[in-house]
Amino acid sequence: MKPHLIIFAILIAAFITYNLFFRIEDDRMNTVVNIILASILFGYISFMAYSLLKKMKK
């Protein structure tokens, strides 16, 4: 489970770094990029939960 948390921390750091330093000037494109990054984060959370439930079942 530890590698999953490290990858999740890297994804969160990338999300925060993008929003602080690498924002796109166009508001619509910035919103699209934020939605994509947030979707990846939530998708990875669901993957971690699924893998944890799978391990608990065994």
N, C-alpha and C. Protein backbone atom coordinates (compact mmCIF):
# COMPACT_ATOMS: atom_id res chain seq x y z
N MET A 1 0.82 -1.20 0.00
CA MET A 1 0.00 0.00 0.00
C MET A 1 0.86 1.26 0.00
N LYS A 2 2.10 1.13 0.49
CA LYS A 2 2.95 2.30 0.56
C LYS A 2 3.28 2.89 -0.82
N PRO A 3 3.55 2.07 -1.85
CA PRO A 3 3.80 2.68 -3.18
C PRO A 3 2.59 3.45 -3.70
N HIS A 4 1.39 2.98 -3.38
CA HIS A 4 0.18 3.70 -3.81
C HIS A 4 0.10 5.08 -3.16
N LEU A 5 0.46 5.15 -1.89
CA LEU A 5 0.41 6.44 -1.20
C LEU A 5 1.48 7.39 -1.72
N ILE A 6 2.63 6.86 -2.10
CA ILE A 6 3.69 7.71 -2.66
C ILE A 6 3.24 8.27 -4.00
N ILE A 7 2.66 7.44 -4.85
CA ILE A 7 2.15 7.90 -6.15
C ILE A 7 1.05 8.93 -5.95
N PHE A 8 0.16 8.69 -4.97
CA PHE A 8 -0.91 9.63 -4.68
C PHE A 8 -0.35 10.97 -4.21
N ALA A 9 0.68 10.94 -3.38
CA ALA A 9 1.31 12.18 -2.92
C ALA A 9 1.95 12.93 -4.08
N ILE A 10 2.55 12.20 -5.02
CA ILE A 10 3.13 12.85 -6.20
C ILE A 10 2.05 13.49 -7.05
N LEU A 11 0.91 12.81 -7.21
CA LEU A 11 -0.20 13.38 -7.99
C LEU A 11 -0.75 14.65 -7.33
N ILE A 12 -0.87 14.63 -6.00
CA ILE A 12 -1.35 15.82 -5.29
C ILE A 12 -0.36 16.96 -5.43
N ALA A 13 0.94 16.64 -5.31
CA ALA A 13 1.96 17.67 -5.46
C ALA A 13 1.94 18.26 -6.87
N ALA A 14 1.71 17.42 -7.88
CA ALA A 14 1.62 17.92 -9.25
C ALA A 14 0.42 18.84 -9.42
N PHE A 15 -0.72 18.48 -8.81
CA PHE A 15 -1.92 19.30 -8.89
C PHE A 15 -1.69 20.67 -8.24
N ILE A 16 -1.09 20.66 -7.07
CA ILE A 16 -0.83 21.92 -6.36
C ILE A 16 0.20 22.76 -7.11
N THR A 17 1.24 22.11 -7.62
CA THR A 17 2.27 22.83 -8.37
C THR A 17 1.70 23.47 -9.62
N TYR A 18 0.84 22.73 -10.32
CA TYR A 18 0.22 23.31 -11.51
C TYR A 18 -0.59 24.55 -11.15
N ASN A 19 -1.39 24.45 -10.10
CA ASN A 19 -2.25 25.58 -9.74
C ASN A 19 -1.49 26.78 -9.20
N LEU A 20 -0.32 26.54 -8.62
CA LEU A 20 0.45 27.67 -8.10
C LEU A 20 1.36 28.31 -9.15
N PHE A 21 1.98 27.51 -10.00
CA PHE A 21 3.03 28.03 -10.87
C PHE A 21 2.74 27.96 -12.37
N PHE A 22 2.00 26.98 -12.82
CA PHE A 22 1.87 26.75 -14.26
C PHE A 22 0.46 26.94 -14.79
N ARG A 23 -0.25 27.89 -14.23
CA ARG A 23 -1.62 28.15 -14.69
C ARG A 23 -1.62 28.65 -16.13
N ILE A 24 -2.63 28.20 -16.88
CA ILE A 24 -2.82 28.67 -18.24
C ILE A 24 -3.63 29.96 -18.17
N GLU A 25 -3.28 30.92 -18.98
CA GLU A 25 -3.95 32.23 -18.94
C GLU A 25 -5.42 32.16 -19.35
N ASP A 26 -5.73 31.30 -20.30
CA ASP A 26 -7.11 31.14 -20.75
C ASP A 26 -7.90 30.41 -19.66
N ASP A 27 -8.95 31.05 -19.17
CA ASP A 27 -9.71 30.47 -18.05
C ASP A 27 -10.38 29.16 -18.43
N ARG A 28 -10.88 29.07 -19.65
CA ARG A 28 -11.57 27.83 -20.06
C ARG A 28 -10.59 26.65 -20.10
N MET A 29 -9.41 26.86 -20.67
CA MET A 29 -8.42 25.79 -20.74
C MET A 29 -7.88 25.44 -19.35
N ASN A 30 -7.73 26.44 -18.50
CA ASN A 30 -7.29 26.20 -17.13
C ASN A 30 -8.31 25.34 -16.39
N THR A 31 -9.58 25.62 -16.60
CA THR A 31 -10.63 24.82 -15.97
C THR A 31 -10.62 23.39 -16.49
N VAL A 32 -10.40 23.22 -17.79
CA VAL A 32 -10.34 21.88 -18.38
C VAL A 32 -9.18 21.08 -17.78
N VAL A 33 -8.01 21.72 -17.67
CA VAL A 33 -6.85 21.04 -17.11
C VAL A 33 -7.09 20.70 -15.64
N ASN A 34 -7.70 21.60 -14.88
CA ASN A 34 -8.02 21.32 -13.48
C ASN A 34 -9.00 20.15 -13.35
N ILE A 35 -9.99 20.10 -14.21
CA ILE A 35 -10.96 19.00 -14.16
C ILE A 35 -10.28 17.68 -14.50
N ILE A 36 -9.40 17.69 -15.49
CA ILE A 36 -8.69 16.46 -15.87
C ILE A 36 -7.79 15.99 -14.72
N LEU A 37 -7.04 16.91 -14.12
CA LEU A 37 -6.17 16.53 -13.01
C LEU A 37 -6.98 16.02 -11.81
N ALA A 38 -8.08 16.67 -11.51
CA ALA A 38 -8.93 16.23 -10.41
C ALA A 38 -9.55 14.87 -10.70
N SER A 39 -9.92 14.63 -11.95
CA SER A 39 -10.47 13.32 -12.32
C SER A 39 -9.43 12.22 -12.15
N ILE A 40 -8.19 12.52 -12.51
CA ILE A 40 -7.12 11.53 -12.32
C ILE A 40 -6.93 11.25 -10.83
N LEU A 41 -6.97 12.29 -10.01
CA LEU A 41 -6.83 12.10 -8.56
C LEU A 41 -7.95 11.24 -7.99
N PHE A 42 -9.18 11.55 -8.33
CA PHE A 42 -10.31 10.77 -7.81
C PHE A 42 -10.31 9.36 -8.37
N GLY A 43 -9.90 9.20 -9.61
CA GLY A 43 -9.79 7.86 -10.17
C GLY A 43 -8.74 7.03 -9.44
N TYR A 44 -7.63 7.65 -9.08
CA TYR A 44 -6.60 6.93 -8.35
C TYR A 44 -7.05 6.59 -6.93
N ILE A 45 -7.83 7.48 -6.33
CA ILE A 45 -8.41 7.17 -5.00
C ILE A 45 -9.30 5.95 -5.10
N SER A 46 -10.12 5.88 -6.14
CA SER A 46 -11.01 4.72 -6.28
C SER A 46 -10.20 3.45 -6.56
N PHE A 47 -9.10 3.56 -7.33
CA PHE A 47 -8.24 2.41 -7.56
C PHE A 47 -7.61 1.93 -6.26
N MET A 48 -7.16 2.86 -5.42
CA MET A 48 -6.57 2.48 -4.13
C MET A 48 -7.61 1.80 -3.24
N ALA A 49 -8.82 2.32 -3.23
CA ALA A 49 -9.88 1.70 -2.41
C ALA A 49 -10.21 0.31 -2.93
N TYR A 50 -10.28 0.15 -4.24
CA TYR A 50 -10.57 -1.15 -4.83
C TYR A 50 -9.47 -2.16 -4.49
N SER A 51 -8.22 -1.74 -4.61
CA SER A 51 -7.13 -2.67 -4.31
C SER A 51 -7.09 -3.01 -2.83
N LEU A 52 -7.42 -2.05 -1.96
CA LEU A 52 -7.47 -2.34 -0.53
C LEU A 52 -8.58 -3.32 -0.20
N LEU A 53 -9.75 -3.14 -0.78
CA LEU A 53 -10.85 -4.07 -0.56
C LEU A 53 -10.52 -5.44 -1.10
N LYS A 54 -9.83 -5.51 -2.20
CA LYS A 54 -9.43 -6.78 -2.77
C LYS A 54 -8.45 -7.51 -1.85
N LYS A 55 -7.51 -6.76 -1.25
CA LYS A 55 -6.56 -7.36 -0.30
C LYS A 55 -7.27 -7.81 0.97
N MET A 56 -8.26 -7.05 1.42
CA MET A 56 -8.98 -7.40 2.64
C MET A 56 -9.82 -8.66 2.44
N LYS A 57 -10.27 -8.89 1.22
CA LYS A 57 -11.12 -10.03 0.93
C LYS A 57 -10.34 -11.34 1.02
N LYS A 58 -9.04 -11.30 0.70
CA LYS A 58 -8.22 -12.51 0.71
C LYS A 58 -7.92 -12.99 2.12
